[in-house]
Amino acid sequence: TVGDPFKDTSGPSLNILIKLMSMVSIVMAGLTVAWSLFG
Protein backbone atom coordinates (compact mmCIF):
# COMPACT_ATOMS: atom_id res chain seq x y z
CA THR A 1 0.00 0.00 0.00
CA VAL A 2 0.97 3.66 -0.16
CA GLY A 3 1.65 4.23 3.54
CA ASP A 4 3.74 1.11 4.16
CA PRO A 5 7.10 2.73 5.10
CA PHE A 6 5.37 5.17 7.41
CA LYS A 7 3.29 2.36 8.92
CA ASP A 8 6.44 0.32 9.59
CA THR A 9 8.03 3.15 11.58
CA SER A 10 4.98 4.22 13.64
CA GLY A 11 2.51 1.36 13.30
CA PRO A 12 1.16 0.82 16.84
CA SER A 13 0.70 4.49 17.73
CA LEU A 14 -0.99 5.21 14.40
CA ASN A 15 -3.28 2.21 14.92
CA ILE A 16 -4.27 3.51 18.36
CA LEU A 17 -4.87 6.95 16.88
CA ILE A 18 -7.11 5.52 14.13
CA LYS A 19 -9.09 3.49 16.67
CA LEU A 20 -9.48 6.54 18.90
CA MET A 21 -10.66 8.72 16.01
CA SER A 22 -13.17 6.09 14.90
CA MET A 23 -14.52 5.76 18.44
CA VAL A 24 -14.87 9.54 18.76
CA SER A 25 -16.63 9.77 15.38
CA ILE A 26 -19.05 6.97 16.32
CA VAL A 27 -19.88 8.64 19.64
CA MET A 28 -20.35 12.04 17.98
CA ALA A 29 -22.59 10.50 15.32
CA GLY A 30 -24.69 8.81 18.01
CA LEU A 31 -25.02 12.06 19.95
CA THR A 32 -26.01 13.93 16.79
CA VAL A 33 -28.70 11.36 15.95
CA ALA A 34 -30.03 11.37 19.52
CA TRP A 35 -30.06 15.17 19.56
CA SER A 36 -31.93 15.37 16.25
CA LEU A 37 -34.45 12.76 17.40
CA PHE A 38 -35.13 14.04 20.93
CA GLY A 39 -33.98 17.65 20.73
PDB file of N, CA and C in Angstrom:
ATOM      1  N   THR A   1       0.835  -1.207   0.000  1.00  0.00           N
ATOM      2  CA  THR A   1       0.000   0.000   0.000  1.00  0.00           C
ATOM      3  C   THR A   1       0.865   1.250   0.000  1.00  0.00           C
ATOM      4  N   VAL A   2       0.235   2.404  -0.033  1.00  0.00           N
ATOM      5  CA  VAL A   2       0.973   3.657  -0.164  1.00  0.00           C
ATOM      6  C   VAL A   2       1.710   3.991   1.128  1.00  0.00           C
ATOM      7  N   GLY A   3       1.070   3.788   2.279  1.00  0.00           N
ATOM      8  CA  GLY A   3       1.649   4.229   3.539  1.00  0.00           C
ATOM      9  C   GLY A   3       2.466   3.165   4.246  1.00  0.00           C
ATOM     10  N   ASP A   4       3.019   2.193   3.508  1.00  0.00           N
ATOM     11  CA  ASP A   4       3.745   1.109   4.161  1.00  0.00           C
ATOM     12  C   ASP A   4       4.995   1.538   4.925  1.00  0.00           C
ATOM     13  N   PRO A   5       5.898   2.335   4.333  1.00  0.00           N
ATOM     14  CA  PRO A   5       7.103   2.726   5.095  1.00  0.00           C
ATOM     15  C   PRO A   5       6.763   3.506   6.351  1.00  0.00           C
ATOM     16  N   PHE A   6       5.784   4.392   6.253  1.00  0.00           N
ATOM     17  CA  PHE A   6       5.365   5.173   7.413  1.00  0.00           C
ATOM     18  C   PHE A   6       4.712   4.278   8.456  1.00  0.00           C
ATOM     19  N   LYS A   7       3.961   3.276   8.004  1.00  0.00           N
ATOM     20  CA  LYS A   7       3.287   2.363   8.918  1.00  0.00           C
ATOM     21  C   LYS A   7       4.303   1.481   9.641  1.00  0.00           C
ATOM     22  N   ASP A   8       5.411   1.141   8.965  1.00  0.00           N
ATOM     23  CA  ASP A   8       6.438   0.320   9.590  1.00  0.00           C
ATOM     24  C   ASP A   8       7.139   1.065  10.713  1.00  0.00           C
ATOM     25  N   THR A   9       7.322   2.393  10.562  1.00  0.00           N
ATOM     26  CA  THR A   9       8.033   3.155  11.582  1.00  0.00           C
ATOM     27  C   THR A   9       7.132   3.440  12.772  1.00  0.00           C
ATOM     28  N   SER A  10       5.881   3.842  12.540  1.00  0.00           N
ATOM     29  CA  SER A  10       4.983   4.217  13.636  1.00  0.00           C
ATOM     30  C   SER A  10       3.659   3.477  13.490  1.00  0.00           C
ATOM     31  N   GLY A  11       3.710   2.152  13.473  1.00  0.00           N
ATOM     32  CA  GLY A  11       2.507   1.361  13.295  1.00  0.00           C
ATOM     33  C   GLY A  11       1.581   1.359  14.491  1.00  0.00           C
ATOM     34  N   PRO A  12       2.071   0.956  15.684  1.00  0.00           N
ATOM     35  CA  PRO A  12       1.163   0.822  16.841  1.00  0.00           C
ATOM     36  C   PRO A  12       0.500   2.130  17.239  1.00  0.00           C
ATOM     37  N   SER A  13       1.278   3.213  17.303  1.00  0.00           N
ATOM     38  CA  SER A  13       0.704   4.493  17.734  1.00  0.00           C
ATOM     39  C   SER A  13      -0.327   4.985  16.729  1.00  0.00           C
ATOM     40  N   LEU A  14      -0.049   4.785  15.428  1.00  0.00           N
ATOM     41  CA  LEU A  14      -0.991   5.208  14.399  1.00  0.00           C
ATOM     42  C   LEU A  14      -2.265   4.371  14.479  1.00  0.00           C
ATOM     43  N   ASN A  15      -2.113   3.078  14.799  1.00  0.00           N
ATOM     44  CA  ASN A  15      -3.279   2.209  14.925  1.00  0.00           C
ATOM     45  C   ASN A  15      -4.151   2.654  16.087  1.00  0.00           C
ATOM     46  N   ILE A  16      -3.522   3.012  17.204  1.00  0.00           N
ATOM     47  CA  ILE A  16      -4.273   3.509  18.359  1.00  0.00           C
ATOM     48  C   ILE A  16      -4.983   4.805  18.007  1.00  0.00           C
ATOM     49  N   LEU A  17      -4.283   5.676  17.256  1.00  0.00           N
ATOM     50  CA  LEU A  17      -4.874   6.954  16.877  1.00  0.00           C
ATOM     51  C   LEU A  17      -6.085   6.738  15.983  1.00  0.00           C
ATOM     52  N   ILE A  18      -5.991   5.795  15.040  1.00  0.00           N
ATOM     53  CA  ILE A  18      -7.109   5.524  14.131  1.00  0.00           C
ATOM     54  C   ILE A  18      -8.295   4.951  14.917  1.00  0.00           C
ATOM     55  N   LYS A  19      -8.011   4.055  15.857  1.00  0.00           N
ATOM     56  CA  LYS A  19      -9.094   3.491  16.666  1.00  0.00           C
ATOM     57  C   LYS A  19      -9.753   4.567  17.515  1.00  0.00           C
ATOM     58  N   LEU A  20      -8.931   5.471  18.074  1.00  0.00           N
ATOM     59  CA  LEU A  20      -9.476   6.538  18.901  1.00  0.00           C
ATOM     60  C   LEU A  20     -10.345   7.473  18.068  1.00  0.00           C
ATOM     61  N   MET A  21      -9.893   7.823  16.864  1.00  0.00           N
ATOM     62  CA  MET A  21     -10.658   8.722  16.006  1.00  0.00           C
ATOM     63  C   MET A  21     -11.971   8.071  15.582  1.00  0.00           C
ATOM     64  N   SER A  22     -11.939   6.770  15.294  1.00  0.00           N
ATOM     65  CA  SER A  22     -13.173   6.089  14.895  1.00  0.00           C
ATOM     66  C   SER A  22     -14.153   6.018  16.062  1.00  0.00           C
ATOM     67  N   MET A  23     -13.653   5.780  17.266  1.00  0.00           N
ATOM     68  CA  MET A  23     -14.523   5.761  18.439  1.00  0.00           C
ATOM     69  C   MET A  23     -15.158   7.124  18.678  1.00  0.00           C
ATOM     70  N   VAL A  24     -14.354   8.183  18.558  1.00  0.00           N
ATOM     71  CA  VAL A  24     -14.872   9.536  18.759  1.00  0.00           C
ATOM     72  C   VAL A  24     -15.925   9.858  17.709  1.00  0.00           C
ATOM     73  N   SER A  25     -15.674   9.453  16.445  1.00  0.00           N
ATOM     74  CA  SER A  25     -16.632   9.765  15.384  1.00  0.00           C
ATOM     75  C   SER A  25     -17.939   8.999  15.586  1.00  0.00           C
ATOM     76  N   ILE A  26     -17.841   7.755  16.058  1.00  0.00           N
ATOM     77  CA  ILE A  26     -19.050   6.969  16.318  1.00  0.00           C
ATOM     78  C   ILE A  26     -19.863   7.590  17.449  1.00  0.00           C
ATOM     79  N   VAL A  27     -19.177   8.019  18.508  1.00  0.00           N
ATOM     80  CA  VAL A  27     -19.878   8.641  19.636  1.00  0.00           C
ATOM     81  C   VAL A  27     -20.527   9.953  19.209  1.00  0.00           C
ATOM     82  N   MET A  28     -19.807  10.761  18.432  1.00  0.00           N
ATOM     83  CA  MET A  28     -20.348  12.039  17.980  1.00  0.00           C
ATOM     84  C   MET A  28     -21.545  11.821  17.059  1.00  0.00           C
ATOM     85  N   ALA A  29     -21.470  10.798  16.200  1.00  0.00           N
ATOM     86  CA  ALA A  29     -22.593  10.502  15.316  1.00  0.00           C
ATOM     87  C   ALA A  29     -23.809  10.060  16.128  1.00  0.00           C
ATOM     88  N   GLY A  30     -23.591   9.242  17.155  1.00  0.00           N
ATOM     89  CA  GLY A  30     -24.688   8.811  18.009  1.00  0.00           C
ATOM     90  C   GLY A  30     -25.319   9.971  18.749  1.00  0.00           C
ATOM     91  N   LEU A  31     -24.484  10.894  19.249  1.00  0.00           N
ATOM     92  CA  LEU A  31     -25.016  12.063  19.947  1.00  0.00           C
ATOM     93  C   LEU A  31     -25.801  12.956  18.994  1.00  0.00           C
ATOM     94  N   THR A  32     -25.320  13.092  17.767  1.00  0.00           N
ATOM     95  CA  THR A  32     -26.014  13.931  16.790  1.00  0.00           C
ATOM     96  C   THR A  32     -27.376  13.340  16.441  1.00  0.00           C
ATOM     97  N   VAL A  33     -27.423  12.017  16.260  1.00  0.00           N
ATOM     98  CA  VAL A  33     -28.696  11.359  15.947  1.00  0.00           C
ATOM     99  C   VAL A  33     -29.663  11.486  17.119  1.00  0.00           C
ATOM    100  N   ALA A  34     -29.172  11.264  18.343  1.00  0.00           N
ATOM    101  CA  ALA A  34     -30.031  11.372  19.518  1.00  0.00           C
ATOM    102  C   ALA A  34     -30.541  12.795  19.683  1.00  0.00           C
ATOM    103  N   TRP A  35     -29.675  13.774  19.413  1.00  0.00           N
ATOM    104  CA  TRP A  35     -30.060  15.172  19.560  1.00  0.00           C
ATOM    105  C   TRP A  35     -31.128  15.537  18.525  1.00  0.00           C
ATOM    106  N   SER A  36     -30.957  15.043  17.292  1.00  0.00           N
ATOM    107  CA  SER A  36     -31.929  15.373  16.248  1.00  0.00           C
ATOM    108  C   SER A  36     -33.255  14.648  16.489  1.00  0.00           C
ATOM    109  N   LEU A  37     -33.214  13.493  17.128  1.00  0.00           N
ATOM    110  CA  LEU A  37     -34.448  12.763  17.405  1.00  0.00           C
ATOM    111  C   LEU A  37     -35.194  13.349  18.600  1.00  0.00           C
ATOM    112  N   PHE A  38     -34.483  13.644  19.686  1.00  0.00           N
ATOM    113  CA  PHE A  38     -35.125  14.036  20.935  1.00  0.00           C
ATOM    114  C   PHE A  38     -35.028  15.526  21.228  1.00  0.00           C
ATOM    115  N   GLY A  39     -34.248  16.251  20.424  1.00  0.00           N
ATOM    116  CA  GLY A  39     -33.985  17.648  20.731  1.00  0.00           C
ATOM    117  C   GLY A  39     -35.116  18.561  20.316  1.00  0.00           C
TER     118      GLY A  39
END
